[in-house]
Amino acid sequence: MGKPRSDSVVCLSRTGFHRMAYREWPAGDPVPVLCLHGLARNARDFDSLASALAADGRRVIAADVVGRGDSGRLRDPLDYGYPQYLADTTALIARLGSAQVDIVGTSMGGLIGMMLAAQPDNPVRRLVINDVGPFIPKAALERILTYFGKDPRFADLAAAEAYFRKTYRGFGALSDAQWRHLTETSLRRDGAGWRLHYDPRIAEPLRQGDVADVDLWPLWDLIERPVLVLRGAESDLLLPQTAAEMRRRGPCAEVIEIEGCGHAPALLDAGQIDPLRAWLAG
């Protein structure tokens, strides 16, 4: 298993070019696994999963969606949205040089995967969706907007870790080492302190209109690829009835419920990673 390397691909937006950064674990498998993170997160969320998949011989790529992590920032914040995210992801897939790709997407990353897999002649071979679905209730979006796009400053890592433990308590009972890893990989230096490693303007498109339920069932029904859905047992974003319907219609997904967490399973321990590894290997 090789160590990950950092790279980027140049992407085009309405107002110019920007970089999409990614980390790659090289291996011999010709079909790469592309990992796409949640709304306010970054590629480092997949360090544990990527290492485990790389040990299985898989080539793994974990990307920073534009505006997050080491990727570039858009000049017009209103361009932060799924059309741009899909275009950038397509450019990255083209860079990988494979006719097919397996996608693991958490929350926003899962929606990107769904949207790609619903397109004609798409390159998605298998799709793992982590705690999101074709129906997203308004209440969950309102909760996310209480922290998404905010720009807190932290005097030290201890203060930042306390913030992450509160904000992402839905991740479940992580170990102290896991919380510290999540904290350290979610920050950037700002003078004598720390701030979140994203462009706070990424929230502006969501704040332009009224928050409402999101219904993507017509998109779901177009997917013809094998799909695995992970659901946090206490999730307020992927409701039990939505997961049940995802089993019944469209690609008729396999659903695994992860006990002890809400939105979203952090994919940091073997109990969550091993079922995903086995399904991708199948």
Protein backbone atom coordinates (compact mmCIF):
# COMPACT_ATOMS: atom_id res chain seq x y z
CA MET A 1 0.00 0.00 0.00
CA GLY A 2 1.53 3.32 -1.08
CA LYS A 3 1.27 6.61 0.75
CA PRO A 4 -1.24 9.15 -0.56
CA ARG A 5 -0.05 11.86 -2.88
CA SER A 6 -1.63 15.29 -3.32
CA ASP A 7 -2.53 16.69 -6.74
CA SER A 8 -5.17 18.86 -8.40
CA VAL A 9 -7.07 19.22 -11.64
CA VAL A 10 -7.93 22.52 -13.32
CA CYS A 11 -11.67 23.15 -13.64
CA LEU A 12 -13.70 25.91 -15.30
CA SER A 13 -16.49 27.98 -13.77
CA ARG A 14 -18.58 30.80 -15.21
CA THR A 15 -16.03 33.36 -13.98
CA GLY A 16 -12.74 31.59 -14.64
CA PHE A 17 -10.56 28.63 -13.74
CA HIS A 18 -10.00 27.08 -10.33
CA ARG A 19 -8.23 24.02 -8.92
CA MET A 20 -9.92 20.92 -7.55
CA ALA A 21 -7.50 19.34 -5.08
CA TYR A 22 -7.44 15.64 -4.33
CA ARG A 23 -5.47 12.96 -2.50
CA GLU A 24 -4.71 9.70 -4.25
CA TRP A 25 -3.75 6.30 -2.86
CA PRO A 26 -2.24 4.51 -5.89
CA ALA A 27 -2.85 0.80 -6.44
CA GLY A 28 -3.27 -1.68 -9.25
CA ASP A 29 -7.06 -1.91 -9.50
CA PRO A 30 -8.15 -0.37 -12.82
CA VAL A 31 -11.44 0.99 -11.39
CA PRO A 32 -10.76 3.79 -8.91
CA VAL A 33 -12.86 4.59 -5.86
CA LEU A 34 -13.75 8.29 -5.77
CA CYS A 35 -14.69 9.65 -2.33
CA LEU A 36 -16.76 12.83 -2.08
CA HIS A 37 -17.35 14.55 1.25
CA GLY A 38 -20.24 16.35 2.91
CA LEU A 39 -21.41 19.96 2.62
CA ALA A 40 -18.97 21.64 5.02
CA ARG A 41 -16.32 18.92 5.14
CA ASN A 42 -13.22 17.98 3.13
CA ALA A 43 -11.30 15.06 1.64
CA ARG A 44 -9.46 14.23 4.86
CA ASP A 45 -12.68 12.73 6.24
CA PHE A 46 -11.83 9.66 4.14
CA ASP A 47 -8.30 9.03 5.42
CA SER A 48 -9.27 5.89 7.35
CA LEU A 49 -11.57 4.51 4.65
CA ALA A 50 -9.05 5.21 1.90
CA SER A 51 -6.25 3.47 3.80
CA ALA A 52 -8.45 0.41 4.31
CA LEU A 53 -9.49 0.26 0.64
CA ALA A 54 -5.91 0.79 -0.48
CA ALA A 55 -4.93 -2.19 1.65
CA ASP A 56 -7.44 -4.17 -0.44
CA GLY A 57 -5.58 -3.12 -3.59
CA ARG A 58 -7.99 -0.35 -4.58
CA ARG A 59 -6.90 2.92 -6.12
CA VAL A 60 -8.61 5.61 -4.04
CA ILE A 61 -9.11 9.31 -4.74
CA ALA A 62 -10.54 11.67 -2.10
CA ALA A 63 -11.44 15.07 -3.50
CA ASP A 64 -11.95 18.53 -1.99
CA VAL A 65 -15.08 19.99 -3.59
CA VAL A 66 -14.49 23.58 -4.72
CA GLY A 67 -14.56 26.04 -1.83
CA ARG A 68 -13.43 23.40 0.65
CA GLY A 69 -10.06 22.20 1.89
CA ASP A 70 -7.19 22.76 -0.53
CA SER A 71 -9.37 23.41 -3.58
CA GLY A 72 -9.79 26.86 -5.05
CA ARG A 73 -12.49 29.38 -4.18
CA LEU A 74 -15.05 30.64 -6.72
CA ARG A 75 -15.13 34.31 -7.59
CA ASP A 76 -18.93 34.46 -7.49
CA PRO A 77 -20.31 32.63 -4.44
CA LEU A 78 -23.64 32.09 -6.18
CA ASP A 79 -21.85 29.57 -8.41
CA TYR A 80 -21.43 27.21 -5.43
CA GLY A 81 -23.96 24.56 -6.34
CA TYR A 82 -24.47 21.17 -7.93
CA PRO A 83 -24.00 22.20 -11.58
CA GLN A 84 -20.47 23.34 -10.74
CA TYR A 85 -19.79 20.37 -8.46
CA LEU A 86 -20.88 17.94 -11.19
CA ALA A 87 -18.74 19.66 -13.82
CA ASP A 88 -15.69 19.60 -11.56
CA THR A 89 -16.20 15.95 -10.60
CA THR A 90 -16.50 15.04 -14.27
CA ALA A 91 -13.20 16.80 -14.98
CA LEU A 92 -11.56 14.84 -12.16
CA ILE A 93 -12.96 11.52 -13.43
CA ALA A 94 -11.56 12.33 -16.87
CA ARG A 95 -8.17 12.99 -15.26
CA LEU A 96 -8.20 9.54 -13.67
CA GLY A 97 -8.13 7.87 -17.07
CA SER A 98 -10.59 5.09 -16.27
CA ALA A 99 -13.77 4.29 -18.15
CA GLN A 100 -15.51 3.42 -14.87
CA VAL A 101 -15.41 4.64 -11.29
CA ASP A 102 -16.92 3.56 -7.98
CA ILE A 103 -18.19 6.50 -5.89
CA VAL A 104 -18.48 6.81 -2.12
CA GLY A 105 -20.33 9.99 -1.20
CA THR A 106 -21.26 11.38 2.20
CA SER A 107 -24.29 13.69 2.30
CA MET A 108 -23.55 16.31 -0.42
CA GLY A 109 -21.05 13.86 -1.94
CA GLY A 110 -23.79 11.25 -2.07
CA LEU A 111 -26.05 13.64 -3.95
CA ILE A 112 -23.26 14.35 -6.44
CA GLY A 113 -22.92 10.59 -6.93
CA MET A 114 -26.67 10.17 -7.38
CA MET A 115 -26.81 12.95 -9.96
CA LEU A 116 -23.92 11.48 -11.93
CA ALA A 117 -25.32 7.94 -11.78
CA ALA A 118 -28.69 9.16 -13.12
CA GLN A 119 -27.14 10.51 -16.36
CA PRO A 120 -27.15 8.57 -19.64
CA ASP A 121 -23.89 6.77 -20.42
CA ASN A 122 -22.43 7.66 -17.01
CA PRO A 123 -19.11 6.16 -15.80
CA VAL A 124 -20.38 5.09 -12.36
CA ARG A 125 -20.02 1.34 -11.78
CA ARG A 126 -21.10 1.12 -8.11
CA LEU A 127 -22.36 3.84 -5.77
CA VAL A 128 -22.21 4.12 -1.97
CA ILE A 129 -24.40 6.83 -0.47
CA ASN A 130 -23.68 7.79 3.13
CA ASP A 131 -26.74 9.15 4.96
CA VAL A 132 -28.56 11.06 2.26
CA GLY A 133 -31.35 10.25 -0.14
CA PRO A 134 -33.78 11.60 -2.72
CA PHE A 135 -35.90 13.23 -0.03
CA ILE A 136 -34.35 15.72 2.42
CA PRO A 137 -36.67 17.23 5.02
CA LYS A 138 -36.76 20.97 5.58
CA ALA A 139 -36.06 20.58 9.30
CA ALA A 140 -32.71 18.88 8.65
CA LEU A 141 -31.67 21.64 6.24
CA GLU A 142 -32.61 24.29 8.77
CA ARG A 143 -30.45 22.55 11.38
CA ILE A 144 -27.48 22.44 9.01
CA LEU A 145 -27.86 26.14 8.23
CA THR A 146 -27.33 26.96 11.91
CA TYR A 147 -23.61 26.23 11.40
CA PHE A 148 -22.99 25.93 7.65
CA GLY A 149 -21.09 28.89 6.23
CA LYS A 150 -20.30 30.36 9.63
CA ASP A 151 -16.74 31.61 10.15
CA PRO A 152 -15.74 31.04 13.78
CA ARG A 153 -12.19 31.67 14.97
CA PHE A 154 -10.43 29.50 17.53
CA ALA A 155 -7.58 30.47 19.82
CA ASP A 156 -6.32 26.89 20.04
CA LEU A 157 -7.04 23.32 18.97
CA ALA A 158 -8.88 22.54 22.21
CA ALA A 159 -11.47 25.24 21.51
CA ALA A 160 -11.83 24.02 17.93
CA GLU A 161 -12.27 20.42 19.03
CA ALA A 162 -15.02 21.44 21.45
CA TYR A 163 -16.78 23.15 18.53
CA PHE A 164 -16.52 20.04 16.32
CA ARG A 165 -17.72 17.70 19.04
CA LYS A 166 -20.84 19.83 19.46
CA THR A 167 -21.49 20.62 15.80
CA TYR A 168 -20.90 17.08 14.54
CA ARG A 169 -22.28 15.07 17.45
CA GLY A 170 -24.29 13.14 14.87
CA PHE A 171 -21.01 11.47 13.88
CA GLY A 172 -21.44 9.33 16.98
CA ALA A 173 -19.14 8.20 19.80
CA LEU A 174 -15.75 8.84 18.21
CA SER A 175 -12.56 8.25 20.14
CA ASP A 176 -10.46 11.15 21.39
CA ALA A 177 -7.93 10.39 18.65
CA GLN A 178 -10.65 10.45 15.98
CA TRP A 179 -12.03 13.79 17.19
CA ARG A 180 -8.53 15.24 17.21
CA HIS A 181 -7.88 13.99 13.66
CA LEU A 182 -11.18 15.46 12.47
CA THR A 183 -10.31 18.76 14.16
CA GLU A 184 -6.77 19.06 12.86
CA THR A 185 -7.79 18.26 9.27
CA SER A 186 -10.69 20.74 9.26
CA LEU A 187 -8.75 23.91 10.11
CA ARG A 188 -6.29 26.34 8.63
CA ARG A 189 -4.03 28.83 10.38
CA ASP A 190 -5.27 32.40 10.70
CA GLY A 191 -2.69 34.57 12.41
CA ALA A 192 -2.25 33.31 15.95
CA GLY A 193 -5.38 31.15 15.79
CA TRP A 194 -7.42 28.85 13.59
CA ARG A 195 -10.45 29.02 11.33
CA LEU A 196 -12.50 26.50 9.33
CA HIS A 197 -10.86 25.23 6.15
CA TYR A 198 -13.53 26.38 3.72
CA ASP A 199 -14.83 29.49 2.00
CA PRO A 200 -17.68 30.71 4.26
CA ARG A 201 -19.41 32.08 1.17
CA ILE A 202 -20.33 28.50 0.11
CA ALA A 203 -23.57 28.95 2.08
CA GLU A 204 -24.75 32.02 0.17
CA PRO A 205 -26.81 30.16 -2.49
CA LEU A 206 -28.72 28.31 0.25
CA ARG A 207 -29.48 31.56 2.02
CA GLN A 208 -30.95 33.23 -1.08
CA GLY A 209 -34.40 31.66 -0.82
CA ASP A 210 -36.77 29.90 1.52
CA VAL A 211 -35.69 26.56 2.89
CA ALA A 212 -38.00 23.75 1.76
CA ASP A 213 -38.10 19.96 1.50
CA VAL A 214 -35.92 18.58 -1.32
CA ASP A 215 -37.54 15.96 -3.56
CA LEU A 216 -35.23 14.14 -5.99
CA TRP A 217 -37.24 10.94 -6.47
CA PRO A 218 -37.45 11.35 -10.28
CA LEU A 219 -33.64 11.43 -10.33
CA TRP A 220 -33.40 8.35 -8.10
CA ASP A 221 -35.68 6.39 -10.41
CA LEU A 222 -33.24 6.91 -13.31
CA ILE A 223 -30.32 5.17 -11.57
CA GLU A 224 -29.50 1.72 -12.94
CA ARG A 225 -26.32 0.97 -11.01
CA PRO A 226 -25.85 -1.08 -7.81
CA VAL A 227 -26.28 1.20 -4.80
CA LEU A 228 -25.43 0.75 -1.13
CA VAL A 229 -26.99 3.19 1.34
CA LEU A 230 -25.57 3.74 4.82
CA ARG A 231 -27.98 5.33 7.28
CA GLY A 232 -27.20 6.66 10.73
CA ALA A 233 -29.84 5.10 12.98
CA GLU A 234 -30.61 8.49 14.52
CA SER A 235 -30.34 10.55 11.31
CA ASP A 236 -32.74 13.45 10.83
CA LEU A 237 -31.66 13.88 7.20
CA LEU A 238 -32.18 10.37 5.82
CA LEU A 239 -35.47 9.37 7.40
CA PRO A 240 -36.39 5.69 7.94
CA GLN A 241 -39.28 5.90 5.50
CA THR A 242 -37.01 7.42 2.84
CA ALA A 243 -34.46 4.61 3.26
CA ALA A 244 -37.26 2.03 3.01
CA GLU A 245 -38.49 3.61 -0.23
CA MET A 246 -34.92 3.61 -1.59
CA ARG A 247 -34.93 -0.16 -1.13
CA ARG A 248 -38.19 -0.50 -3.07
CA ARG A 249 -37.79 1.74 -6.11
CA GLY A 250 -35.22 2.95 -8.61
CA PRO A 251 -32.02 0.92 -8.22
CA CYS A 252 -33.52 -0.93 -5.19
CA ALA A 253 -30.57 -0.14 -2.96
CA GLU A 254 -29.16 -2.28 -0.22
CA VAL A 255 -29.47 -0.36 3.07
CA ILE A 256 -27.27 -0.79 6.13
CA GLU A 257 -28.24 1.05 9.32
CA ILE A 258 -25.38 2.20 11.52
CA GLU A 259 -26.23 2.24 15.21
CA GLY A 260 -25.08 4.95 17.57
CA CYS A 261 -24.90 7.86 15.16
CA GLY A 262 -27.08 10.30 13.28
CA HIS A 263 -26.04 12.43 10.32
CA ALA A 264 -23.68 11.12 9.22
CA PRO A 265 -21.65 7.97 9.96
CA ALA A 266 -18.05 9.21 10.09
CA LEU A 267 -16.51 6.15 8.36
CA LEU A 268 -13.60 6.23 10.78
CA ASP A 269 -13.81 2.79 12.41
CA ALA A 270 -13.84 -0.79 11.20
CA GLY A 271 -17.46 -1.38 12.17
CA GLN A 272 -18.55 1.17 9.54
CA ILE A 273 -15.75 0.64 7.02
CA ASP A 274 -15.76 -3.17 6.72
CA PRO A 275 -19.33 -3.57 5.36
CA LEU A 276 -18.55 -0.90 2.76
CA ARG A 277 -15.30 -2.65 1.79
CA ALA A 278 -17.09 -5.98 1.43
CA TRP A 279 -19.86 -4.48 -0.72
CA LEU A 280 -17.41 -2.73 -3.07
CA ALA A 281 -15.44 -5.98 -3.38
CA GLY A 282 -18.63 -7.83 -4.28
